[in-house]
Amino acid sequence: MFFSILVLAHLQAAIIPIMLGIRSNNKFKHISKNTFIPSGFIFLGLASISEMIDHTQTSWIYVNHSSFFNWLFYSFLSLGLTCLSISVVRNKFIQITNFCISLCSIISYFLFDKSIALLFQVIISIFLIINWQRFFKDWLFVLYPIFGIFFTTFFGTRLSISDDQFWHVFIGPSGTISVLTFYLVLKRSDKKLS
């Protein structure tokens, strides 16, 4: 029973972002770089798929390790957040800076270790929060740092410290709430400007 719940928690974290990416195609025309939005969602879904494949190597037990699929997870996560971040930015310098930070995250995973890649992930998230809050000015966006950063980090830390796989079940749904927040903010902005 627990294994089924664990798989479903990961599966929904892959399917929902990909579905939102497909639904976002050719939408949100009021956003200058709207072509990045579907890619952002799809990359987040691919991150979850990579994590699921990585879990098959560890019998679905969370192991804090470095591997090719774990690298893909962090790479797709970095690319997804970066695409969403730069979708609302017109300034080329800020776009290039965001992209370079994403590349640093991807490359540093293998050159140094996962902790350095995570540092770049934090910077990517900060840019995302600043860019989206400046553009949308929507109170609902506060759900992203709460669920996408605070709760996923909290559950992941509890999992790492305790080795209790119970905490593993909550990470995917918490991330999905943050992904749904992105989509709801986009939909609400579309209605505001219509």
Protein backbone atom coordinates (compact mmCIF):
# COMPACT_ATOMS: atom_id res chain seq x y z
CA MET A 1 0.00 0.00 0.00
CA PHE A 2 2.72 2.50 0.99
CA PHE A 3 4.69 1.71 -2.19
CA SER A 4 1.61 2.49 -4.34
CA ILE A 5 1.09 5.82 -2.56
CA LEU A 6 4.78 6.66 -3.02
CA VAL A 7 4.65 5.89 -6.75
CA LEU A 8 1.42 7.91 -7.17
CA ALA A 9 2.99 10.86 -5.32
CA HIS A 10 5.87 10.83 -7.83
CA LEU A 11 3.69 10.10 -10.86
CA GLN A 12 1.40 13.06 -10.28
CA ALA A 13 4.48 15.28 -9.87
CA ALA A 14 5.50 14.26 -13.41
CA ILE A 15 2.12 14.23 -15.15
CA ILE A 16 0.63 17.50 -13.86
CA PRO A 17 3.52 19.79 -14.94
CA ILE A 18 3.67 18.14 -18.38
CA MET A 19 -0.10 18.56 -18.80
CA LEU A 20 0.18 22.22 -17.76
CA GLY A 21 3.00 22.65 -20.26
CA ILE A 22 0.82 21.26 -23.05
CA ARG A 23 -2.12 23.45 -21.94
CA SER A 24 0.17 26.50 -21.89
CA ASN A 25 1.19 26.10 -25.51
CA ASN A 26 0.17 29.19 -27.52
CA LYS A 27 -1.40 30.78 -24.44
CA PHE A 28 -0.58 33.75 -22.24
CA LYS A 29 0.08 36.05 -25.21
CA HIS A 30 0.22 39.02 -22.82
CA ILE A 31 3.61 37.73 -21.63
CA SER A 32 6.44 38.79 -23.92
CA LYS A 33 8.41 35.52 -23.78
CA ASN A 34 5.40 33.21 -23.45
CA THR A 35 7.12 30.52 -25.55
CA PHE A 36 9.30 29.69 -22.52
CA ILE A 37 6.28 28.85 -20.35
CA PRO A 38 5.38 25.43 -21.82
CA SER A 39 9.06 24.42 -21.75
CA GLY A 40 9.30 25.46 -18.11
CA PHE A 41 6.41 23.22 -17.08
CA ILE A 42 7.58 20.30 -19.23
CA PHE A 43 11.12 20.50 -17.82
CA LEU A 44 9.65 20.32 -14.29
CA GLY A 45 7.73 17.18 -15.31
CA LEU A 46 10.88 15.68 -16.82
CA ALA A 47 12.68 16.38 -13.54
CA SER A 48 10.13 14.23 -11.73
CA ILE A 49 10.42 11.47 -14.33
CA SER A 50 14.22 11.49 -13.87
CA GLU A 51 13.77 11.23 -10.12
CA MET A 52 11.39 8.27 -10.57
CA ILE A 53 13.93 6.48 -12.77
CA ASP A 54 16.62 7.21 -10.17
CA HIS A 55 14.39 5.68 -7.48
CA THR A 56 14.14 2.44 -9.45
CA GLN A 57 17.90 2.07 -8.85
CA THR A 58 17.36 2.25 -5.07
CA SER A 59 14.16 0.15 -4.79
CA TRP A 60 12.19 3.40 -4.28
CA ILE A 61 13.97 4.12 -1.02
CA TYR A 62 15.32 7.65 -0.83
CA VAL A 63 19.10 7.66 -0.85
CA ASN A 64 21.04 10.92 -0.74
CA HIS A 65 23.47 10.15 -3.54
CA SER A 66 24.80 11.42 -6.84
CA SER A 67 23.89 9.61 -10.03
CA PHE A 68 23.18 10.33 -13.69
CA PHE A 69 19.40 10.43 -13.16
CA ASN A 70 19.78 12.51 -10.02
CA TRP A 71 21.83 14.94 -12.12
CA LEU A 72 19.04 14.94 -14.73
CA PHE A 73 16.54 15.70 -11.97
CA TYR A 74 18.49 18.78 -10.84
CA SER A 75 19.24 19.81 -14.45
CA PHE A 76 15.60 19.68 -15.56
CA LEU A 77 14.51 21.42 -12.36
CA SER A 78 17.03 24.18 -13.03
CA LEU A 79 15.95 24.55 -16.66
CA GLY A 80 12.24 24.52 -15.75
CA LEU A 81 12.54 27.24 -13.12
CA THR A 82 14.80 29.29 -15.40
CA CYS A 83 12.37 29.10 -18.33
CA LEU A 84 9.50 30.23 -16.11
CA SER A 85 11.66 33.00 -14.65
CA ILE A 86 12.84 34.48 -17.96
CA SER A 87 9.38 34.21 -19.54
CA VAL A 88 8.42 37.47 -17.80
CA VAL A 89 11.73 39.32 -18.32
CA ARG A 90 12.41 41.63 -21.26
CA ASN A 91 15.93 42.64 -20.25
CA LYS A 92 18.42 40.53 -22.24
CA PHE A 93 21.15 40.85 -19.60
CA ILE A 94 18.84 39.43 -16.88
CA GLN A 95 17.73 36.64 -19.23
CA ILE A 96 21.33 35.68 -20.03
CA THR A 97 22.31 35.90 -16.34
CA ASN A 98 19.44 33.56 -15.39
CA PHE A 99 20.44 31.12 -18.11
CA CYS A 100 24.14 31.20 -17.08
CA ILE A 101 23.21 30.49 -13.45
CA SER A 102 21.17 27.52 -14.67
CA LEU A 103 24.17 26.25 -16.65
CA CYS A 104 26.37 26.69 -13.57
CA SER A 105 23.93 24.55 -11.58
CA ILE A 106 23.94 21.83 -14.23
CA ILE A 107 27.72 21.79 -14.68
CA SER A 108 28.65 22.15 -11.00
CA TYR A 109 26.78 18.96 -10.06
CA PHE A 110 29.51 16.87 -11.72
CA LEU A 111 32.46 19.24 -11.39
CA PHE A 112 32.04 19.75 -7.65
CA ASP A 113 29.06 18.11 -5.98
CA LYS A 114 25.33 18.30 -5.45
CA SER A 115 25.58 20.90 -2.67
CA ILE A 116 27.12 23.47 -5.06
CA ALA A 117 24.38 22.73 -7.61
CA LEU A 118 21.82 23.31 -4.85
CA LEU A 119 23.37 26.70 -4.11
CA PHE A 120 22.78 27.71 -7.72
CA GLN A 121 19.22 26.32 -7.45
CA VAL A 122 18.61 28.72 -4.56
CA ILE A 123 19.83 31.64 -6.69
CA ILE A 124 17.57 30.51 -9.56
CA SER A 125 14.60 30.42 -7.16
CA ILE A 126 15.41 33.91 -5.85
CA PHE A 127 15.51 35.26 -9.42
CA LEU A 128 12.23 33.51 -10.17
CA ILE A 129 10.51 35.00 -7.11
CA ILE A 130 11.79 38.51 -7.89
CA ASN A 131 10.93 38.34 -11.59
CA TRP A 132 7.44 36.91 -11.12
CA GLN A 133 6.50 39.16 -8.19
CA ARG A 134 7.61 42.25 -10.12
CA PHE A 135 5.63 41.21 -13.17
CA PHE A 136 2.44 39.73 -11.70
CA LYS A 137 2.15 41.44 -8.29
CA ASP A 138 -0.15 38.59 -7.27
CA TRP A 139 -0.45 37.61 -3.57
CA LEU A 140 -1.17 34.01 -4.64
CA PHE A 141 2.46 33.65 -5.74
CA VAL A 142 3.48 33.43 -2.06
CA LEU A 143 2.41 29.76 -2.30
CA TYR A 144 5.47 29.00 -4.46
CA PRO A 145 8.11 29.69 -1.78
CA ILE A 146 5.90 28.11 0.91
CA PHE A 147 5.30 24.82 -0.91
CA GLY A 148 8.07 24.72 -3.54
CA ILE A 149 10.89 25.76 -1.25
CA PHE A 150 9.97 25.62 2.45
CA PHE A 151 7.84 22.46 2.60
CA THR A 152 9.84 20.46 0.04
CA THR A 153 13.03 21.34 1.93
CA PHE A 154 11.40 20.54 5.28
CA PHE A 155 10.10 17.15 4.11
CA GLY A 156 13.40 16.36 2.35
CA THR A 157 15.39 17.26 5.46
CA ARG A 158 13.12 15.15 7.68
CA LEU A 159 13.56 12.27 5.24
CA SER A 160 17.36 12.61 5.19
CA ILE A 161 17.69 12.90 8.96
CA SER A 162 15.24 10.17 9.96
CA ASP A 163 15.42 7.80 6.97
CA ASP A 164 11.65 7.45 7.51
CA GLN A 165 10.21 7.01 4.01
CA PHE A 166 6.90 8.45 5.28
CA TRP A 167 8.29 11.95 4.57
CA HIS A 168 9.08 10.93 0.99
CA VAL A 169 5.37 10.87 0.11
CA PHE A 170 4.91 14.59 0.78
CA ILE A 171 7.72 16.03 -1.34
CA GLY A 172 6.13 15.46 -4.78
CA PRO A 173 2.66 16.81 -3.89
CA SER A 174 4.22 19.83 -2.22
CA GLY A 175 6.19 20.56 -5.41
CA THR A 176 3.04 20.07 -7.47
CA ILE A 177 1.20 22.71 -5.42
CA SER A 178 3.96 25.16 -6.32
CA VAL A 179 3.68 24.19 -10.02
CA LEU A 180 -0.10 24.69 -9.89
CA THR A 181 0.57 28.09 -8.30
CA PHE A 182 2.58 29.12 -11.37
CA TYR A 183 -0.29 28.13 -13.64
CA LEU A 184 -2.96 29.83 -11.50
CA VAL A 185 -0.94 33.06 -11.39
CA LEU A 186 -0.61 32.92 -15.19
CA LYS A 187 -4.37 32.31 -15.60
CA ARG A 188 -5.28 35.11 -13.19
CA SER A 189 -2.96 37.55 -15.00
CA ASP A 190 -4.57 36.59 -18.31
CA LYS A 191 -8.02 37.45 -16.91
CA LYS A 192 -6.80 40.73 -15.39
CA LEU A 193 -5.51 41.93 -18.74
CA SER A 194 -8.47 40.67 -20.81
